[in-house]
């Protein structure tokens, strides 16, 4: 976890996984860099909020893979799900529900979060039946924030097609994505 700036109840907290994704955000708002994956994101956001630092909202900004053709640019997420957690299986086993989808706003794409960088076309096709985009932190950020009563927005820029070229494409696109996200912040 790396925090720059001071968290205040009167302004949002920006959350990104990597410094490369937040490279152009500027100093106007506090920025929390969590590290990659659900575990890092959950721990970083929870640790900060547990210290009593409650921003007006959390805005999770970063990159995402497109699970369907035609998705490009910046998208504000409506619902976020975990694609690597067996909610139905756990319910069948225990009678308890964990890991339900988190609704963030009425319209927009669905984001699937999981602890895998999706670059397998078979997994991409399976995930496309449930979501439009895929990342590795969104669900964790939203769940941790919700546990502390902090509203969350998730804004993702498509960096790749979550296919066999995803790693190469992400590496070459992350700087452009970071610039575009900073531009979105400037007008939001």
C-alpha atoms as a PDB file:
ATOM      1  CA  UNK A   1       0.000   0.000   0.000  1.00  0.00           C
ATOM      2  CA  UNK A   2       1.259   3.426  -0.928  1.00  0.00           C
ATOM      3  CA  UNK A   3      -0.763   6.566  -0.216  1.00  0.00           C
ATOM      4  CA  UNK A   4       0.029  10.022  -1.526  1.00  0.00           C
ATOM      5  CA  UNK A   5      -1.945  12.991  -0.230  1.00  0.00           C
ATOM      6  CA  UNK A   6      -4.260  13.353   2.708  1.00  0.00           C
ATOM      7  CA  UNK A   7      -7.599  11.556   2.905  1.00  0.00           C
ATOM      8  CA  UNK A   8     -10.518  13.808   3.795  1.00  0.00           C
ATOM      9  CA  UNK A   9     -14.255  13.260   4.165  1.00  0.00           C
ATOM     10  CA  UNK A  10     -14.811  16.174   1.773  1.00  0.00           C
ATOM     11  CA  UNK A  11     -13.088  14.691  -1.267  1.00  0.00           C
ATOM     12  CA  UNK A  12     -12.703  11.397  -3.105  1.00  0.00           C
ATOM     13  CA  UNK A  13      -9.849   8.942  -2.803  1.00  0.00           C
ATOM     14  CA  UNK A  14      -8.415   7.627  -6.058  1.00  0.00           C
ATOM     15  CA  UNK A  15      -7.424   3.958  -6.000  1.00  0.00           C
ATOM     16  CA  UNK A  16      -5.284   2.197  -8.605  1.00  0.00           C
ATOM     17  CA  UNK A  17      -3.391  -1.083  -8.591  1.00  0.00           C
ATOM     18  CA  UNK A  18      -0.131   0.155 -10.081  1.00  0.00           C
ATOM     19  CA  UNK A  19       1.754   3.460 -10.209  1.00  0.00           C
ATOM     20  CA  UNK A  20       1.740   3.202 -14.022  1.00  0.00           C
ATOM     21  CA  UNK A  21      -2.065   3.396 -14.037  1.00  0.00           C
ATOM     22  CA  UNK A  22      -2.033   6.537 -11.852  1.00  0.00           C
ATOM     23  CA  UNK A  23       0.993   8.210 -13.450  1.00  0.00           C
ATOM     24  CA  UNK A  24      -0.897  11.284 -14.685  1.00  0.00           C
ATOM     25  CA  UNK A  25      -3.525  11.779 -11.971  1.00  0.00           C
ATOM     26  CA  UNK A  26      -1.754  14.794 -10.469  1.00  0.00           C
ATOM     27  CA  UNK A  27      -1.583  15.948  -6.845  1.00  0.00           C
ATOM     28  CA  UNK A  28      -5.107  17.382  -6.434  1.00  0.00           C
ATOM     29  CA  UNK A  29      -6.601  14.249  -4.848  1.00  0.00           C
ATOM     30  CA  UNK A  30      -5.126  11.541  -2.614  1.00  0.00           C
ATOM     31  CA  UNK A  31      -4.082   8.375  -4.448  1.00  0.00           C
ATOM     32  CA  UNK A  32      -3.854   4.880  -2.971  1.00  0.00           C
ATOM     33  CA  UNK A  33      -1.752   2.351  -4.892  1.00  0.00           C
ATOM     34  CA  UNK A  34      -2.839  -1.118  -3.757  1.00  0.00           C
ATOM     35  CA  UNK A  35      -0.736  -3.581  -5.703  1.00  0.00           C
ATOM     36  CA  UNK A  36      -2.119  -6.225  -8.057  1.00  0.00           C
ATOM     37  CA  UNK A  37      -4.988  -8.589  -7.269  1.00  0.00           C
ATOM     38  CA  UNK A  38      -7.941  -8.923  -4.936  1.00  0.00           C
ATOM     39  CA  UNK A  39      -5.823  -9.694  -1.880  1.00  0.00           C
ATOM     40  CA  UNK A  40      -3.651  -6.565  -2.208  1.00  0.00           C
ATOM     41  CA  UNK A  41      -6.633  -4.361  -3.025  1.00  0.00           C
ATOM     42  CA  UNK A  42      -8.711  -5.662  -0.111  1.00  0.00           C
ATOM     43  CA  UNK A  43      -5.897  -5.264   2.401  1.00  0.00           C
ATOM     44  CA  UNK A  44      -4.892  -1.789   1.211  1.00  0.00           C
ATOM     45  CA  UNK A  45      -8.389  -0.306   1.170  1.00  0.00           C
ATOM     46  CA  UNK A  46      -9.415  -2.008   4.424  1.00  0.00           C
ATOM     47  CA  UNK A  47      -6.242  -0.948   6.220  1.00  0.00           C
ATOM     48  CA  UNK A  48      -6.708   2.675   5.197  1.00  0.00           C
ATOM     49  CA  UNK A  49     -10.407   2.799   6.071  1.00  0.00           C
ATOM     50  CA  UNK A  50      -9.839   0.983   9.380  1.00  0.00           C
ATOM     51  CA  UNK A  51      -7.562   3.849  10.423  1.00  0.00           C
ATOM     52  CA  UNK A  52     -10.639   6.071  10.305  1.00  0.00           C
ATOM     53  CA  UNK A  53      -9.699   7.696   7.011  1.00  0.00           C
ATOM     54  CA  UNK A  54     -13.066   7.990   5.253  1.00  0.00           C
ATOM     55  CA  UNK A  55     -13.141   9.809   1.916  1.00  0.00           C
ATOM     56  CA  UNK A  56     -16.357  11.157   0.403  1.00  0.00           C
ATOM     57  CA  UNK A  57     -16.115   8.305  -2.107  1.00  0.00           C
ATOM     58  CA  UNK A  58     -13.593   5.914  -3.579  1.00  0.00           C
ATOM     59  CA  UNK A  59     -12.931   6.021  -7.301  1.00  0.00           C
ATOM     60  CA  UNK A  60     -11.129   2.906  -8.522  1.00  0.00           C
ATOM     61  CA  UNK A  61      -9.408   3.761 -11.800  1.00  0.00           C
ATOM     62  CA  UNK A  62      -7.351   1.398 -13.918  1.00  0.00           C
ATOM     63  CA  UNK A  63      -7.123  -0.874 -16.883  1.00  0.00           C
ATOM     64  CA  UNK A  64      -9.378  -3.746 -17.909  1.00  0.00           C
ATOM     65  CA  UNK A  65      -9.536  -6.374 -20.604  1.00  0.00           C
ATOM     66  CA  UNK A  66     -12.477  -6.443 -23.020  1.00  0.00           C
ATOM     67  CA  UNK A  67     -14.410  -9.699 -22.989  1.00  0.00           C
ATOM     68  CA  UNK A  68     -16.360  -8.821 -26.127  1.00  0.00           C
ATOM     69  CA  UNK A  69     -15.469  -7.195 -29.400  1.00  0.00           C
ATOM     70  CA  UNK A  70     -16.257  -3.509 -29.654  1.00  0.00           C
ATOM     71  CA  UNK A  71     -15.330  -2.460 -26.138  1.00  0.00           C
ATOM     72  CA  UNK A  72     -12.727   0.270 -26.082  1.00  0.00           C
ATOM     73  CA  UNK A  73     -12.099   3.509 -24.230  1.00  0.00           C
ATOM     74  CA  UNK A  74     -13.307   4.444 -20.741  1.00  0.00           C
ATOM     75  CA  UNK A  75     -16.285   2.854 -18.996  1.00  0.00           C
ATOM     76  CA  UNK A  76     -17.921   3.464 -15.628  1.00  0.00           C
ATOM     77  CA  UNK A  77     -18.959   0.102 -14.227  1.00  0.00           C
ATOM     78  CA  UNK A  78     -22.559  -0.664 -13.222  1.00  0.00           C
ATOM     79  CA  UNK A  79     -22.001  -4.018 -11.488  1.00  0.00           C
ATOM     80  CA  UNK A  80     -18.906  -5.884 -10.401  1.00  0.00           C
ATOM     81  CA  UNK A  81     -18.676  -9.645  -9.869  1.00  0.00           C
ATOM     82  CA  UNK A  82     -15.978 -12.108  -8.838  1.00  0.00           C
ATOM     83  CA  UNK A  83     -15.270 -14.580 -11.599  1.00  0.00           C
ATOM     84  CA  UNK A  84     -13.012 -16.830  -9.522  1.00  0.00           C
ATOM     85  CA  UNK A  85     -15.246 -17.340  -6.480  1.00  0.00           C
ATOM     86  CA  UNK A  86     -17.841 -20.134  -6.466  1.00  0.00           C
ATOM     87  CA  UNK A  87     -20.743 -18.318  -4.790  1.00  0.00           C
ATOM     88  CA  UNK A  88     -23.309 -20.963  -5.836  1.00  0.00           C
ATOM     89  CA  UNK A  89     -21.108 -23.841  -4.693  1.00  0.00           C
ATOM     90  CA  UNK A  90     -20.437 -22.262  -1.306  1.00  0.00           C
ATOM     91  CA  UNK A  91     -24.186 -21.612  -0.856  1.00  0.00           C
ATOM     92  CA  UNK A  92     -25.004 -25.224  -1.753  1.00  0.00           C
ATOM     93  CA  UNK A  93     -22.418 -26.444   0.754  1.00  0.00           C
ATOM     94  CA  UNK A  94     -23.102 -24.056   3.647  1.00  0.00           C
ATOM     95  CA  UNK A  95     -26.448 -22.349   3.063  1.00  0.00           C
ATOM     96  CA  UNK A  96     -24.678 -18.980   3.289  1.00  0.00           C
ATOM     97  CA  UNK A  97     -24.135 -16.520   0.484  1.00  0.00           C
ATOM     98  CA  UNK A  98     -20.792 -14.802   0.055  1.00  0.00           C
ATOM     99  CA  UNK A  99     -19.462 -12.801  -2.843  1.00  0.00           C
ATOM    100  CA  UNK A 100     -22.708 -11.526  -4.339  1.00  0.00           C
ATOM    101  CA  UNK A 101     -22.482  -9.083  -7.244  1.00  0.00           C
ATOM    102  CA  UNK A 102     -22.081  -5.453  -6.159  1.00  0.00           C
ATOM    103  CA  UNK A 103     -24.327  -2.941  -7.926  1.00  0.00           C
ATOM    104  CA  UNK A 104     -22.683   0.466  -8.249  1.00  0.00           C
ATOM    105  CA  UNK A 105     -24.921   2.374 -10.672  1.00  0.00           C
ATOM    106  CA  UNK A 106     -27.957   1.684 -12.870  1.00  0.00           C
ATOM    107  CA  UNK A 107     -26.233   1.574 -16.254  1.00  0.00           C
ATOM    108  CA  UNK A 108     -22.886   0.557 -17.652  1.00  0.00           C
ATOM    109  CA  UNK A 109     -20.883  -2.570 -18.300  1.00  0.00           C
ATOM    110  CA  UNK A 110     -20.417  -5.463 -15.893  1.00  0.00           C
ATOM    111  CA  UNK A 111     -16.872  -5.982 -14.620  1.00  0.00           C
ATOM    112  CA  UNK A 112     -15.586  -9.443 -13.642  1.00  0.00           C
ATOM    113  CA  UNK A 113     -12.751  -9.403 -11.092  1.00  0.00           C
ATOM    114  CA  UNK A 114     -10.431 -12.295 -10.375  1.00  0.00           C
ATOM    115  CA  UNK A 115      -6.893 -13.134  -9.388  1.00  0.00           C
ATOM    116  CA  UNK A 116      -5.813 -14.080 -12.891  1.00  0.00           C
ATOM    117  CA  UNK A 117      -4.607 -11.929 -15.781  1.00  0.00           C
ATOM    118  CA  UNK A 118      -7.022 -13.151 -18.445  1.00  0.00           C
ATOM    119  CA  UNK A 119      -5.185 -13.998 -21.643  1.00  0.00           C
ATOM    120  CA  UNK A 120      -6.755 -17.379 -22.411  1.00  0.00           C
ATOM    121  CA  UNK A 121      -9.376 -17.250 -25.206  1.00  0.00           C
ATOM    122  CA  UNK A 122     -11.367 -20.101 -23.624  1.00  0.00           C
ATOM    123  CA  UNK A 123     -11.623 -18.280 -20.282  1.00  0.00           C
ATOM    124  CA  UNK A 124     -12.416 -15.027 -22.120  1.00  0.00           C
ATOM    125  CA  UNK A 125     -15.334 -16.687 -23.925  1.00  0.00           C
ATOM    126  CA  UNK A 126     -16.686 -18.172 -20.681  1.00  0.00           C
ATOM    127  CA  UNK A 127     -16.420 -14.843 -18.836  1.00  0.00           C
ATOM    128  CA  UNK A 128     -18.115 -12.984 -21.706  1.00  0.00           C
ATOM    129  CA  UNK A 129     -21.325 -14.833 -20.825  1.00  0.00           C
ATOM    130  CA  UNK A 130     -21.379 -12.999 -17.473  1.00  0.00           C
ATOM    131  CA  UNK A 131     -19.499  -9.728 -17.972  1.00  0.00           C
ATOM    132  CA  UNK A 132     -18.195  -7.162 -20.450  1.00  0.00           C
ATOM    133  CA  UNK A 133     -14.795  -6.346 -18.925  1.00  0.00           C
ATOM    134  CA  UNK A 134     -12.294  -8.100 -16.654  1.00  0.00           C
ATOM    135  CA  UNK A 135      -9.795  -6.797 -14.084  1.00  0.00           C
ATOM    136  CA  UNK A 136      -8.013  -7.951 -10.950  1.00  0.00           C
ATOM    137  CA  UNK A 137      -9.027  -5.420  -8.222  1.00  0.00           C
ATOM    138  CA  UNK A 138     -12.450  -3.806  -8.801  1.00  0.00           C
ATOM    139  CA  UNK A 139     -14.584  -6.202  -6.758  1.00  0.00           C
ATOM    140  CA  UNK A 140     -12.168  -6.104  -3.831  1.00  0.00           C
ATOM    141  CA  UNK A 141     -12.094  -2.297  -3.757  1.00  0.00           C
ATOM    142  CA  UNK A 142     -15.895  -2.075  -3.918  1.00  0.00           C
ATOM    143  CA  UNK A 143     -16.414  -4.773  -1.248  1.00  0.00           C
ATOM    144  CA  UNK A 144     -13.933  -3.220   1.200  1.00  0.00           C
ATOM    145  CA  UNK A 145     -15.407   0.247   0.703  1.00  0.00           C
ATOM    146  CA  UNK A 146     -18.957  -1.069   1.172  1.00  0.00           C
ATOM    147  CA  UNK A 147     -17.952  -2.711   4.458  1.00  0.00           C
ATOM    148  CA  UNK A 148     -17.068   0.772   5.741  1.00  0.00           C
ATOM    149  CA  UNK A 149     -20.059   2.527   4.170  1.00  0.00           C
ATOM    150  CA  UNK A 150     -17.999   4.429   1.596  1.00  0.00           C
ATOM    151  CA  UNK A 151     -19.572   4.843  -1.862  1.00  0.00           C
ATOM    152  CA  UNK A 152     -17.520   3.511  -4.771  1.00  0.00           C
ATOM    153  CA  UNK A 153     -17.200   4.217  -8.466  1.00  0.00           C
ATOM    154  CA  UNK A 154     -15.170   1.984 -10.763  1.00  0.00           C
ATOM    155  CA  UNK A 155     -13.816   3.517 -13.957  1.00  0.00           C
ATOM    156  CA  UNK A 156     -11.809   1.330 -16.321  1.00  0.00           C
ATOM    157  CA  UNK A 157     -10.000   1.984 -19.583  1.00  0.00           C
ATOM    158  CA  UNK A 158      -9.820  -0.969 -21.960  1.00  0.00           C
ATOM    159  CA  UNK A 159      -6.169  -1.910 -22.403  1.00  0.00           C
ATOM    160  CA  UNK A 160      -6.459  -5.238 -24.210  1.00  0.00           C
ATOM    161  CA  UNK A 161      -8.839  -7.899 -25.510  1.00  0.00           C
ATOM    162  CA  UNK A 162      -8.152 -10.436 -22.711  1.00  0.00           C
ATOM    163  CA  UNK A 163      -6.795 -12.812 -25.332  1.00  0.00           C
ATOM    164  CA  UNK A 164      -3.475 -14.416 -26.268  1.00  0.00           C
ATOM    165  CA  UNK A 165      -1.966 -10.963 -26.966  1.00  0.00           C
ATOM    166  CA  UNK A 166      -3.204  -9.400 -23.703  1.00  0.00           C
ATOM    167  CA  UNK A 167       0.153  -9.216 -21.903  1.00  0.00           C
ATOM    168  CA  UNK A 168       1.896  -7.572 -24.841  1.00  0.00           C
ATOM    169  CA  UNK A 169      -1.039  -5.258 -25.514  1.00  0.00           C
ATOM    170  CA  UNK A 170      -1.392  -4.213 -21.847  1.00  0.00           C
ATOM    171  CA  UNK A 171       2.294  -3.378 -21.602  1.00  0.00           C
ATOM    172  CA  UNK A 172       2.178  -1.131 -24.650  1.00  0.00           C
ATOM    173  CA  UNK A 173      -1.208   0.430 -23.767  1.00  0.00           C
ATOM    174  CA  UNK A 174      -0.908   1.186 -20.032  1.00  0.00           C
ATOM    175  CA  UNK A 175       0.636   4.647 -20.529  1.00  0.00           C
ATOM    176  CA  UNK A 176      -2.068   5.702 -22.998  1.00  0.00           C
ATOM    177  CA  UNK A 177      -4.739   4.330 -20.636  1.00  0.00           C
ATOM    178  CA  UNK A 178      -3.268   6.297 -17.719  1.00  0.00           C
ATOM    179  CA  UNK A 179      -3.345   9.509 -19.769  1.00  0.00           C
ATOM    180  CA  UNK A 180      -6.959   8.902 -20.783  1.00  0.00           C
ATOM    181  CA  UNK A 181      -8.011   8.183 -17.184  1.00  0.00           C
ATOM    182  CA  UNK A 182      -6.317  11.414 -16.048  1.00  0.00           C
ATOM    183  CA  UNK A 183      -8.265  13.236 -18.749  1.00  0.00           C
ATOM    184  CA  UNK A 184     -11.505  11.652 -17.495  1.00  0.00           C
ATOM    185  CA  UNK A 185     -10.658  12.814 -13.962  1.00  0.00           C
ATOM    186  CA  UNK A 186     -10.029  16.371 -15.167  1.00  0.00           C
ATOM    187  CA  UNK A 187     -13.561  16.681 -16.565  1.00  0.00           C
ATOM    188  CA  UNK A 188     -15.432  14.660 -13.930  1.00  0.00           C
END
